[in-house]
Protein backbone atom coordinates (compact mmCIF):
# COMPACT_ATOMS: atom_id res chain seq x y z
CA UNK A 1 -51.14 79.85 -73.00
CA UNK A 2 -53.28 77.49 -70.95
CA UNK A 3 -52.62 73.98 -69.66
CA UNK A 4 -55.11 71.10 -69.77
CA UNK A 5 -54.62 67.89 -67.80
CA UNK A 6 -56.71 64.89 -68.85
CA UNK A 7 -57.14 62.40 -65.98
CA UNK A 8 -58.46 58.86 -66.10
CA UNK A 9 -60.59 57.68 -63.17
CA UNK A 10 -59.37 55.37 -60.42
CA UNK A 11 -59.93 51.63 -60.49
CA UNK A 12 -63.63 50.75 -60.40
CA UNK A 13 -65.16 47.47 -59.30
CA UNK A 14 -66.00 46.81 -62.97
CA UNK A 15 -62.32 47.17 -63.93
CA UNK A 16 -61.81 43.90 -62.05
CA UNK A 17 -64.41 42.06 -64.13
CA UNK A 18 -64.31 41.03 -67.80
CA UNK A 19 -67.43 43.00 -68.72
CA UNK A 20 -68.31 45.94 -70.91
CA UNK A 21 -68.33 48.96 -68.61
CA UNK A 22 -69.14 52.22 -70.37
CA UNK A 23 -72.15 53.94 -68.85
CA UNK A 24 -72.55 51.19 -66.26
CA UNK A 25 -72.08 53.23 -63.09
CA UNK A 26 -69.76 51.15 -60.95
CA UNK A 27 -68.10 52.89 -57.96
CA UNK A 28 -64.40 53.04 -57.24
CA UNK A 29 -62.94 50.05 -55.47
CA UNK A 30 -61.12 50.75 -52.20
CA UNK A 31 -57.89 50.45 -54.14
CA UNK A 32 -59.25 52.92 -56.68
CA UNK A 33 -60.07 55.37 -53.89
CA UNK A 34 -56.51 55.10 -52.63
CA UNK A 35 -55.33 55.85 -56.17
CA UNK A 36 -57.60 58.89 -56.36
CA UNK A 37 -56.36 60.27 -53.06
CA UNK A 38 -52.76 59.77 -54.13
CA UNK A 39 -53.56 61.58 -57.37
CA UNK A 40 -55.09 64.48 -55.46
CA UNK A 41 -52.03 64.83 -53.24
CA UNK A 42 -49.69 64.68 -56.24
CA UNK A 43 -51.57 67.57 -57.89
CA UNK A 44 -52.12 69.61 -54.72
CA UNK A 45 -49.21 71.94 -55.46
CA UNK A 46 -50.75 72.86 -58.83
CA UNK A 47 -53.44 75.49 -58.55
CA UNK A 48 -56.22 74.41 -60.90
CA UNK A 49 -58.51 77.01 -62.44
CA UNK A 50 -61.41 74.60 -62.98
CA UNK A 51 -62.17 70.88 -62.88
CA UNK A 52 -64.62 69.19 -65.24
CA UNK A 53 -65.67 65.58 -64.73
CA UNK A 54 -67.81 62.81 -66.13
CA UNK A 55 -71.06 62.28 -64.26
CA UNK A 56 -70.23 58.58 -63.76
CA UNK A 57 -69.26 57.69 -60.19
CA UNK A 58 -65.78 56.36 -60.91
CA UNK A 59 -64.73 59.60 -62.62
CA UNK A 60 -66.63 62.09 -60.48
CA UNK A 61 -65.33 60.55 -57.22
CA UNK A 62 -61.80 60.77 -58.64
CA UNK A 63 -62.42 64.42 -59.51
CA UNK A 64 -63.68 65.09 -55.98
CA UNK A 65 -60.43 63.69 -54.58
CA UNK A 66 -58.46 66.09 -56.79
CA UNK A 67 -60.76 68.96 -55.80
CA UNK A 68 -60.52 68.21 -52.06
CA UNK A 69 -56.71 68.29 -52.19
CA UNK A 70 -56.60 71.71 -53.87
CA UNK A 71 -55.55 74.74 -51.79
CA UNK A 72 -58.17 77.30 -50.83
CA UNK A 73 -59.96 78.83 -52.64
CA UNK A 74 -60.75 75.58 -54.38
CA UNK A 75 -61.64 75.60 -58.09
CA UNK A 76 -65.18 74.98 -59.32
CA UNK A 77 -66.02 71.33 -60.03
CA UNK A 78 -68.47 70.76 -62.87
CA UNK A 79 -69.99 67.40 -63.91
CA UNK A 80 -71.03 66.79 -67.51
CA UNK A 81 -72.33 63.77 -69.46
CA UNK A 82 -70.17 64.91 -72.37
CA UNK A 83 -67.19 63.42 -70.53
CA UNK A 84 -68.75 59.98 -70.06
CA UNK A 85 -67.17 56.84 -71.46
CA UNK A 86 -68.40 55.23 -74.68
CA UNK A 87 -71.89 53.78 -74.24
CA UNK A 88 -71.95 50.07 -75.09
CA UNK A 89 -75.72 49.69 -75.33
CA UNK A 90 -77.03 46.16 -74.79
CA UNK A 91 -73.50 44.97 -74.00
CA UNK A 92 -73.26 47.03 -70.81
CA UNK A 93 -72.41 44.82 -67.84
CA UNK A 94 -72.08 41.70 -70.01
CA UNK A 95 -68.94 39.62 -70.71
CA UNK A 96 -66.79 40.51 -73.66
CA UNK A 97 -64.71 38.26 -75.88
CA UNK A 98 -61.40 39.32 -77.38
CA UNK A 99 -61.42 36.60 -80.03
CA UNK A 100 -64.60 35.81 -81.95
CA UNK A 101 -65.18 33.26 -84.69
CA UNK A 102 -65.74 35.23 -87.89
CA UNK A 103 -68.01 32.45 -89.14
CA UNK A 104 -70.40 32.92 -86.24
CA UNK A 105 -72.92 35.76 -86.63
CA UNK A 106 -72.59 38.35 -83.88
CA UNK A 107 -76.27 37.90 -83.17
CA UNK A 108 -75.51 34.36 -82.01
CA UNK A 109 -72.95 35.72 -79.54
CA UNK A 110 -75.46 38.32 -78.36
CA UNK A 111 -78.02 35.57 -77.78
CA UNK A 112 -75.51 33.87 -75.49
CA UNK A 113 -74.91 37.12 -73.61
CA UNK A 114 -71.36 37.46 -74.98
CA UNK A 115 -70.27 40.58 -76.84
CA UNK A 116 -67.10 40.51 -79.00
CA UNK A 117 -64.69 43.45 -78.94
CA UNK A 118 -65.37 46.26 -81.42
CA UNK A 119 -62.31 47.03 -83.54
CA UNK A 120 -63.62 49.60 -86.03
CA UNK A 121 -64.49 53.18 -85.16
CA UNK A 122 -67.92 52.99 -86.77
CA UNK A 123 -68.98 49.80 -84.99
CA UNK A 124 -71.38 49.88 -82.08
CA UNK A 125 -73.71 47.64 -80.12
CA UNK A 126 -77.47 48.12 -80.46
CA UNK A 127 -78.52 51.06 -78.30
CA UNK A 128 -74.92 52.22 -77.85
CA UNK A 129 -72.32 54.59 -79.31
CA UNK A 130 -69.56 54.06 -81.82
CA UNK A 131 -66.12 55.54 -81.24
CA UNK A 132 -66.99 58.06 -83.95
CA UNK A 133 -69.97 59.09 -81.81
CA UNK A 134 -67.67 59.56 -78.82
CA UNK A 135 -65.38 61.67 -81.01
CA UNK A 136 -68.26 64.03 -81.82
CA UNK A 137 -69.10 64.27 -78.13
CA UNK A 138 -65.44 65.01 -77.37
CA UNK A 139 -65.42 67.84 -79.93
CA UNK A 140 -68.41 69.36 -78.15
CA UNK A 141 -66.76 68.98 -74.75
CA UNK A 142 -63.61 70.78 -75.91
CA UNK A 143 -65.72 73.61 -77.33
CA UNK A 144 -67.63 73.98 -74.06
CA UNK A 145 -64.92 73.43 -71.46
CA UNK A 146 -61.56 74.33 -73.04
CA UNK A 147 -62.03 76.89 -75.80
CA UNK A 148 -63.72 79.50 -73.55
CA UNK A 149 -60.67 79.47 -71.24
CA UNK A 150 -58.36 79.96 -74.23
CA UNK A 151 -60.37 82.86 -75.59
CA UNK A 152 -60.64 84.56 -72.19
CA UNK A 153 -56.90 84.18 -71.52
CA UNK A 154 -56.10 85.62 -74.97
CA UNK A 155 -58.41 88.61 -74.45
CA UNK A 156 -57.19 89.43 -70.95
CA UNK A 157 -53.58 88.29 -71.03
CA UNK A 158 -54.27 85.99 -68.08
CA UNK A 159 -51.44 83.59 -67.28
CA UNK A 160 -51.31 80.33 -65.34
CA UNK A 161 -54.71 78.98 -66.44
CA UNK A 162 -54.77 75.22 -65.78
CA UNK A 163 -57.89 73.12 -66.10
CA UNK A 164 -58.44 69.40 -65.47
CA UNK A 165 -60.81 67.06 -67.29
CA UNK A 166 -61.51 63.82 -65.42
CA UNK A 167 -62.91 61.18 -67.72
CA UNK A 168 -62.38 57.65 -69.07
CA UNK A 169 -59.82 55.86 -71.21
CA UNK A 170 -61.56 55.82 -74.58
CA UNK A 171 -63.13 59.24 -74.10
CA UNK A 172 -59.80 60.81 -73.13
CA UNK A 173 -58.24 59.44 -76.31
CA UNK A 174 -60.93 61.28 -78.27
CA UNK A 175 -60.64 64.44 -76.15
CA UNK A 176 -56.89 64.72 -76.71
CA UNK A 177 -57.35 64.10 -80.43
CA UNK A 178 -60.04 66.81 -80.54
CA UNK A 179 -57.66 69.33 -78.95
CA UNK A 180 -54.79 68.41 -81.26
CA UNK A 181 -57.00 68.95 -84.31
CA UNK A 182 -57.36 72.58 -83.23
CA UNK A 183 -53.72 73.01 -84.30
CA UNK A 184 -53.79 72.73 -88.08
CA UNK A 185 -50.02 72.25 -88.17
CA UNK A 186 -49.90 69.60 -85.42
CA UNK A 187 -49.33 65.84 -85.59
CA UNK A 188 -52.79 64.29 -85.93
CA UNK A 189 -51.59 60.70 -86.34
CA UNK A 190 -50.54 59.66 -82.84
CA UNK A 191 -52.98 57.71 -80.67
CA UNK A 192 -53.15 58.95 -77.08
CA UNK A 193 -55.43 56.23 -75.75
CA UNK A 194 -54.18 53.93 -73.03
CA UNK A 195 -53.91 55.30 -69.50
CA UNK A 196 -53.47 53.48 -66.23
CA UNK A 197 -56.06 54.20 -63.55
CA UNK A 198 -55.64 57.85 -62.38
CA UNK A 199 -52.84 58.40 -64.89
CA UNK A 200 -52.86 61.72 -66.70
CA UNK A 201 -51.91 63.31 -70.00
CA UNK A 202 -51.15 67.02 -70.28
CA UNK A 203 -51.27 69.48 -73.16
CA UNK A 204 -50.44 73.16 -73.50
CA UNK A 205 -52.45 75.39 -75.81
CA UNK A 206 -51.29 78.78 -77.01
CA UNK A 207 -52.31 81.30 -79.65
CA UNK A 208 -49.99 81.42 -82.63
CA UNK A 209 -47.82 84.54 -82.58
CA UNK A 210 -49.06 85.68 -79.16
CA UNK A 211 -46.50 86.03 -76.37
CA UNK A 212 -47.32 85.02 -72.81
CA UNK A 213 -49.20 87.86 -71.11
CA UNK A 214 -50.00 89.73 -74.32
CA UNK A 215 -53.58 90.63 -75.19
CA UNK A 216 -55.33 89.72 -78.43
CA UNK A 217 -58.31 91.71 -79.75
CA UNK A 218 -60.74 89.59 -81.76
CA UNK A 219 -64.46 89.28 -82.46
CA UNK A 220 -66.53 86.53 -80.89
CA UNK A 221 -67.03 84.83 -84.23
CA UNK A 222 -63.32 84.89 -85.12
CA UNK A 223 -61.40 81.62 -85.09
CA UNK A 224 -58.09 81.77 -83.20
CA UNK A 225 -55.04 79.97 -84.64
CA UNK A 226 -53.74 77.64 -81.93
CA UNK A 227 -50.53 75.83 -81.11
CA UNK A 228 -51.13 72.57 -79.21
CA UNK A 229 -48.38 70.47 -77.62
CA UNK A 230 -48.70 67.20 -75.72
CA UNK A 231 -46.12 67.61 -72.96
CA UNK A 232 -46.85 64.56 -70.78
CA UNK A 233 -48.48 61.19 -71.46
CA UNK A 234 -49.68 58.46 -69.05
CA UNK A 235 -47.98 59.89 -65.97
CA UNK A 236 -48.65 57.61 -63.00
CA UNK A 237 -45.80 57.97 -60.50
CA UNK A 238 -48.31 58.76 -57.76
CA UNK A 239 -49.62 55.18 -57.77
CA UNK A 240 -46.32 53.37 -58.09
CA UNK A 241 -46.06 52.80 -54.33
CA UNK A 242 -49.68 51.95 -53.60
CA UNK A 243 -50.12 48.38 -52.46
CA UNK A 244 -53.48 46.67 -52.68
CA UNK A 245 -54.99 45.79 -49.31
CA UNK A 246 -55.13 42.07 -48.57
CA UNK A 247 -58.11 39.80 -48.13
CA UNK A 248 -60.12 41.25 -51.01
CA UNK A 249 -60.61 44.57 -49.21
CA UNK A 250 -58.84 46.50 -51.93
CA UNK A 251 -61.18 45.10 -54.58
CA UNK A 252 -64.36 45.88 -52.65
CA UNK A 253 -66.43 48.94 -53.45
CA UNK A 254 -65.29 52.03 -51.58
CA UNK A 255 -67.52 52.91 -48.63
CA UNK A 256 -66.72 56.29 -47.01
CA UNK A 257 -68.49 55.15 -43.83
CA UNK A 258 -65.89 52.46 -43.19
CA UNK A 259 -63.31 54.29 -41.11
CA UNK A 260 -61.01 51.25 -41.01
CA UNK A 261 -60.47 51.36 -44.79
CA UNK A 262 -58.44 54.55 -45.08
CA UNK A 263 -55.89 55.34 -47.69
CA UNK A 264 -52.34 54.56 -46.73
CA UNK A 265 -49.73 54.98 -49.39
CA UNK A 266 -46.33 53.40 -48.70
CA UNK A 267 -44.51 50.13 -48.88
CA UNK A 268 -44.51 48.01 -52.00
CA UNK A 269 -45.58 48.98 -55.47
CA UNK A 270 -46.80 47.56 -58.71
CA UNK A 271 -44.71 44.59 -59.76
CA UNK A 272 -44.03 46.00 -63.20
CA UNK A 273 -45.54 48.64 -65.48
CA UNK A 274 -48.11 47.41 -67.97
CA UNK A 275 -48.86 48.45 -71.52
CA UNK A 276 -52.06 50.40 -70.93
CA UNK A 277 -54.20 49.57 -73.93
CA UNK A 278 -57.95 50.03 -73.76
CA UNK A 279 -58.63 46.48 -74.98
CA UNK A 280 -56.10 44.72 -72.75
CA UNK A 281 -55.77 43.28 -69.28
CA UNK A 282 -56.63 45.54 -66.37
CA UNK A 283 -53.63 47.00 -64.60
CA UNK A 284 -55.34 45.74 -61.47
CA UNK A 285 -54.17 42.24 -62.36
CA UNK A 286 -50.57 43.45 -62.45
CA UNK A 287 -50.88 45.29 -59.13
CA UNK A 288 -52.40 42.30 -57.39
CA UNK A 289 -49.46 40.15 -58.50
CA UNK A 290 -51.20 37.67 -60.78
CA UNK A 291 -49.12 35.57 -63.15
CA UNK A 292 -48.86 37.68 -66.29
CA UNK A 293 -48.10 34.66 -68.48
CA UNK A 294 -51.31 32.98 -67.38
CA UNK A 295 -53.30 36.12 -68.10
CA UNK A 296 -51.73 36.61 -71.51
CA UNK A 297 -52.49 33.02 -72.45
CA UNK A 298 -56.21 33.29 -71.73
CA UNK A 299 -58.59 34.66 -74.35
CA UNK A 300 -61.75 34.21 -72.29
CA UNK A 301 -60.78 36.10 -69.18
CA UNK A 302 -59.19 39.23 -70.61
CA UNK A 303 -60.34 42.24 -68.61
CA UNK A 304 -61.39 45.28 -70.61
CA UNK A 305 -59.86 48.48 -69.19
CA UNK A 306 -62.27 51.39 -69.67
């Protein structure tokens, strides 16, 4: 059996803006870097076999924080575009609208530089990806980064294999679904999208009928029957006591050269947990202490969490 932990990146500077942020390569905010460091410390007692990360800064920097906190010898860290967020094409970096007038052609919104939320899996902006496209990319990522570890562990009887995939909210939803589909008897109906920044979801994957430590002899072309279980979802205790730095410092882009902006993790915490939906307010608003009723009542300033 192997374990896979899917990790969402820390807060980026784009998470604080109501814009489409898929392949737009915004860095972590200082607050996001504090989240990433807290994540790394919380996972430091778990010896990871390998870490795979999106090539986008917000995810790769988060992965580096996890890697740096690992005991020696540290696991290999591999970056791949397969783990990137959904690409929003011409909408990248532009404002989004949660509510759009159905009587207004989307082209008219595009002409104004406003891009309504996509609700259907097949929908996409010109030059971008649909969620179905991301699902195909997720299938490929699982085949390249997860399945080889399963097959090697089954052949050798290796125990304790634990890999981490550091990615983005929408992509992680597709990655988890891709893994679950490998278990033909599993529950394929639940939606595992919706993670707070640096929150993680964990699955275990075993070979049907194979006991831990046993060896399975099979040909390279043989399919292996798998048992997949989601054991943890949206775990985020490591950030519950992180308090945003005052004066806008926490929202600024992280700069490793600024020695006076170091992570310090104590004191207060988030005011209350938030429902972490991909098309909802950023959890940053909750952490900063903004009036949730005011946010909920505004349709033009909703912040897309990606």
